Protein backbone atom coordinates (compact mmCIF):
# COMPACT_ATOMS: atom_id res chain seq x y z
CA MET A 1 -0.75 -1.77 18.37
CA GLU A 2 -0.20 -1.23 14.64
CA ILE A 3 -2.46 -3.19 12.30
CA ARG A 4 -1.79 -3.42 8.57
CA ILE A 5 -4.50 -4.93 6.37
CA LEU A 6 -2.70 -6.87 3.66
CA GLY A 7 -5.64 -8.42 1.79
CA THR A 8 -9.43 -8.05 1.65
CA ARG A 9 -10.56 -10.24 -1.27
CA GLY A 10 -12.72 -13.30 -0.79
CA GLU A 11 -12.68 -16.29 -3.13
CA ILE A 12 -13.65 -14.31 -6.24
CA LYS A 13 -11.79 -12.88 -9.23
CA PRO A 14 -9.89 -9.65 -8.54
CA SER A 15 -11.42 -6.51 -10.05
CA LEU A 16 -10.52 -3.63 -7.71
CA PRO A 17 -6.92 -2.45 -7.10
CA TYR A 18 -7.33 -1.97 -3.33
CA HIS A 19 -9.20 -5.24 -2.88
CA SER A 20 -7.14 -7.65 -4.97
CA ARG A 21 -5.22 -9.71 -2.42
CA HIS A 22 -6.50 -12.58 -0.35
CA SER A 23 -6.71 -12.53 3.45
CA GLY A 24 -3.88 -11.27 5.62
CA VAL A 25 -3.46 -8.92 8.61
CA LEU A 26 -0.09 -7.96 10.06
CA VAL A 27 0.11 -6.88 13.71
CA ASP A 28 3.11 -4.79 14.83
CA GLY A 29 5.12 -6.20 11.95
CA THR A 30 5.58 -9.46 13.86
CA VAL A 31 2.32 -11.46 13.94
CA LEU A 32 0.63 -12.41 10.67
CA LEU A 33 -3.02 -13.44 10.77
CA ASP A 34 -3.83 -15.56 7.71
CA LEU A 35 -1.52 -16.22 4.79
CA GLY A 36 -3.66 -15.76 1.71
CA GLU A 37 -0.76 -14.70 -0.51
CA LYS A 38 2.80 -16.02 -0.73
CA GLU A 39 4.13 -12.44 -0.90
CA PHE A 40 2.99 -11.83 2.69
CA LEU A 41 6.01 -13.87 3.76
CA ASP A 42 8.21 -11.00 2.54
CA TYR A 43 7.25 -9.12 5.73
CA ARG A 44 9.15 -11.80 7.70
CA PRO A 45 6.76 -12.03 10.65
CA ASP A 46 7.87 -13.84 13.79
CA SER A 47 4.83 -16.13 13.64
CA ILE A 48 1.78 -16.88 11.48
CA PHE A 49 -1.70 -17.77 12.68
CA VAL A 50 -4.06 -19.22 10.06
CA THR A 51 -7.80 -19.22 10.78
CA HIS A 52 -8.55 -22.22 8.55
CA LEU A 53 -7.04 -24.21 5.71
CA HIS A 54 -8.88 -22.77 2.72
CA PRO A 55 -6.52 -21.47 0.02
CA ASP A 56 -7.64 -17.82 0.24
CA HIS A 57 -6.44 -17.89 3.86
CA ALA A 58 -3.61 -20.41 3.48
CA PHE A 59 -2.08 -20.19 -0.01
CA PHE A 60 0.11 -23.25 0.56
CA VAL A 61 -2.91 -25.57 0.46
CA THR A 62 -2.92 -25.38 -3.35
CA ARG A 63 0.63 -24.04 -3.87
CA PRO A 64 3.01 -26.12 -1.71
CA PHE A 65 5.84 -24.07 -0.25
CA ASP A 66 8.31 -24.53 2.60
CA ILE A 67 7.63 -21.96 5.32
CA ASP A 68 10.42 -21.43 7.86
CA ILE A 69 8.35 -19.29 10.23
CA PRO A 70 6.34 -20.81 13.12
CA LEU A 71 2.93 -21.57 11.61
CA TYR A 72 -0.17 -22.13 13.73
CA ALA A 73 -3.58 -23.40 12.56
CA PRO A 74 -6.56 -25.32 14.00
CA GLU A 75 -5.44 -28.61 12.40
CA GLN A 76 -2.55 -30.35 10.70
CA TYR A 77 -1.92 -30.35 6.97
CA ARG A 78 0.21 -32.92 5.17
CA GLN A 79 2.30 -30.40 3.21
CA ALA A 80 3.12 -27.94 5.98
CA ASP A 81 4.73 -27.99 9.41
CA ILE A 82 1.76 -26.75 11.43
CA ARG A 83 1.54 -26.26 15.18
CA ILE A 84 -1.89 -26.50 16.81
CA PRO A 85 -2.19 -23.98 19.66
CA GLY A 86 -3.62 -25.56 22.80
CA GLY A 87 -4.03 -22.18 24.46
CA GLU A 88 -2.48 -18.74 24.39
CA ILE A 89 0.79 -18.19 22.54
CA ARG A 90 3.18 -15.36 23.46
CA THR A 91 5.34 -13.96 20.68
CA GLY A 92 7.20 -10.66 20.50
CA GLY A 93 5.34 -9.16 23.45
CA ILE A 94 1.98 -10.12 21.92
CA ARG A 95 -0.45 -12.66 23.35
CA VAL A 96 -2.51 -14.65 20.84
CA THR A 97 -5.40 -16.85 21.99
CA PRO A 98 -7.38 -19.12 19.64
CA VAL A 99 -11.18 -18.88 19.80
CA PRO A 100 -13.06 -21.77 18.08
CA THR A 101 -15.54 -20.70 15.38
CA HIS A 102 -18.15 -22.13 13.01
CA HIS A 103 -17.48 -21.87 9.28
CA SER A 104 -16.80 -25.06 7.30
CA LEU A 105 -17.73 -28.73 7.28
CA LYS A 106 -14.42 -29.88 5.85
CA VAL A 107 -11.87 -27.85 7.83
CA ARG A 108 -11.67 -26.61 11.39
CA SER A 109 -11.66 -22.87 12.01
CA SER A 110 -10.53 -20.50 14.71
CA ALA A 111 -10.58 -16.77 15.38
CA TYR A 112 -7.63 -15.21 17.19
CA LEU A 113 -7.71 -12.81 20.11
CA VAL A 114 -4.60 -10.62 19.92
CA GLU A 115 -3.58 -8.60 22.99
CA LYS A 116 -0.79 -6.16 23.72
CA GLY A 117 -0.50 -3.35 26.29
CA GLY A 118 -4.19 -3.52 27.17
CA VAL A 119 -5.32 -3.37 23.51
CA ARG A 120 -7.57 -6.24 22.40
CA LEU A 121 -8.14 -7.22 18.77
CA LEU A 122 -10.26 -10.11 17.47
CA TYR A 123 -9.61 -11.42 13.97
CA THR A 124 -12.17 -14.02 12.89
CA GLY A 125 -11.50 -15.10 9.32
CA ASP A 126 -14.62 -16.54 7.66
CA LEU A 127 -17.42 -16.85 10.15
CA ILE A 128 -20.92 -17.98 10.96
CA TRP A 129 -20.83 -17.85 14.76
CA ILE A 130 -18.86 -18.14 17.97
CA ASN A 131 -20.40 -20.32 20.68
CA LYS A 132 -21.55 -18.56 23.87
CA GLU A 133 -19.11 -20.61 25.92
CA TYR A 134 -16.29 -18.55 24.37
CA HIS A 135 -17.94 -15.14 24.62
CA HIS A 136 -16.18 -14.37 27.90
CA LEU A 137 -12.90 -14.35 25.95
CA ILE A 138 -14.04 -11.52 23.68
CA GLU A 139 -15.34 -8.99 26.19
CA GLY A 140 -14.04 -5.43 25.87
CA LEU A 141 -12.57 -5.58 22.38
CA ASP A 142 -11.03 -2.47 20.82
CA LEU A 143 -11.57 -3.79 17.29
CA VAL A 144 -13.09 -6.77 15.48
CA ILE A 145 -11.89 -7.65 11.99
CA THR A 146 -14.38 -10.03 10.41
CA ASP A 147 -16.06 -11.58 7.37
CA GLY A 148 -17.67 -9.36 4.72
CA SER A 149 -18.63 -12.12 2.28
CA PHE A 150 -22.36 -11.35 2.26
CA LEU A 151 -24.21 -8.10 2.91
CA ARG A 152 -27.66 -9.64 3.21
CA LYS A 153 -29.03 -10.77 6.55
CA GLY A 154 -28.53 -14.50 6.98
CA GLY A 155 -25.60 -14.54 4.58
CA MET A 156 -25.16 -18.00 3.11
CA VAL A 157 -25.60 -20.46 5.95
CA ARG A 158 -26.47 -24.08 5.18
CA ARG A 159 -27.05 -27.19 7.27
CA ASP A 160 -25.63 -30.61 6.57
CA ARG A 161 -28.45 -33.17 6.34
CA LYS A 162 -26.47 -35.98 7.94
CA THR A 163 -24.87 -34.20 10.88
CA GLY A 164 -27.06 -31.12 11.32
CA ARG A 165 -23.93 -28.93 11.38
CA ILE A 166 -24.13 -25.48 9.88
CA TYR A 167 -21.56 -24.14 7.45
CA GLY A 168 -20.91 -21.10 5.26
CA HIS A 169 -20.77 -17.37 5.99
CA ASN A 170 -23.10 -15.25 8.07
CA GLY A 171 -24.36 -11.90 6.80
CA VAL A 172 -22.92 -8.52 7.72
CA PRO A 173 -26.03 -7.53 9.77
CA ASP A 174 -25.82 -10.76 11.77
CA LEU A 175 -22.13 -10.27 12.53
CA ILE A 176 -22.77 -6.70 13.63
CA SER A 177 -25.49 -7.99 15.97
CA LEU A 178 -23.06 -10.55 17.38
CA PHE A 179 -20.11 -8.25 17.95
CA LYS A 180 -21.72 -4.96 19.00
CA ARG A 181 -21.97 -6.39 22.51
CA PHE A 182 -18.19 -6.74 22.64
CA THR A 183 -16.82 -3.75 20.73
CA CYS A 184 -17.64 -0.30 19.41
CA ARG A 185 -15.66 -0.79 16.16
CA ILE A 186 -15.90 -3.44 13.44
CA LEU A 187 -13.77 -3.63 10.29
CA PHE A 188 -15.05 -5.86 7.50
CA VAL A 189 -12.69 -7.61 5.09
CA HIS A 190 -12.87 -10.74 2.87
CA PHE A 191 -15.44 -9.19 0.56
CA GLY A 192 -17.73 -11.05 -1.79
CA SER A 193 -19.21 -9.98 -5.11
CA TRP A 194 -21.72 -7.55 -3.53
CA PHE A 195 -18.87 -5.23 -2.55
CA TYR A 196 -17.24 -5.27 -5.98
CA GLU A 197 -20.49 -4.25 -7.68
CA GLY A 198 -20.03 -0.76 -6.23
CA ALA A 199 -17.32 -0.27 -3.60
CA ARG A 200 -18.19 3.33 -2.82
CA SER A 201 -21.85 2.61 -2.13
CA ALA A 202 -20.84 -0.56 -0.25
CA ARG A 203 -18.67 1.47 2.10
CA ARG A 204 -21.53 3.90 2.71
CA ARG A 205 -23.88 0.99 3.44
CA LEU A 206 -21.50 -0.46 6.02
CA HIS A 207 -21.10 2.91 7.69
CA ALA A 208 -24.90 3.33 7.79
CA LEU A 209 -25.34 -0.10 9.38
CA GLY A 210 -22.87 0.94 12.04
CA LYS A 211 -24.83 4.11 12.80
CA GLU A 212 -28.04 2.09 13.07
CA ASN A 213 -26.37 -0.08 15.71
CA GLY A 214 -24.54 2.67 17.56
CA ILE A 215 -21.02 1.57 16.61
CA LEU A 216 -18.38 2.35 13.99
CA VAL A 217 -18.44 -0.03 11.02
CA GLU A 218 -15.85 0.31 8.26
CA ALA A 219 -14.63 -1.41 5.10
CA GLY A 220 -11.01 -2.47 5.07
CA TYR A 221 -8.77 -2.22 2.02
CA ASP A 222 -5.42 -3.65 0.95
CA GLY A 223 -2.67 -1.57 2.59
CA MET A 224 -4.91 0.02 5.22
CA LEU A 225 -2.98 1.01 8.36
CA LEU A 226 -4.60 1.31 11.80
CA ARG A 227 -3.11 2.23 15.17
CA LEU A 228 -4.90 1.21 18.34
CA LYS A 229 -4.06 2.62 21.77
């Protein structure tokens, strides 16, 4: 499985050349996970899977555009022809399974389990948590690509007073604690301001957190290419 990281910038102003594009991951040149930039369509994937309808993951929310490629997301949107996956989708020899997640109050969100030839990748988009009822789906992962918005433990997680629902982004240490049960390798993307304050030291900090937890933890960058076997 070939994985190309297209974008690693969260919802902040661009200031680093290799972290300037919004979210997007291309798998084997055919499956696109998140569509944070219109230019990602130039790769002509066979299908697109959007984690949630925020503009840094779905550019068309604020910049309407006709997309002639099958587009999947957790909910409908008035200005796009969206399909809601009820279960696994098979496309180009790849199996994609949605995994419900917690992130926002206003939009639904989903991670995607991507499988091919025995290789298992989980791409989460922005994330607080995945309910235990779905943990059986993410056993034995070769790689997790997840949310690097906040380095601090606890991230920025809030609770709605009326409904009691949580929303926001969990911290890097919390996401490592969640996923180290399921994988030995985590790649962080969707970086917040903490990363841009000193990318080199930020990469070292992520690597050190991985060592502390007995797994490999890395920082992704725009254009990064990975091959999983």
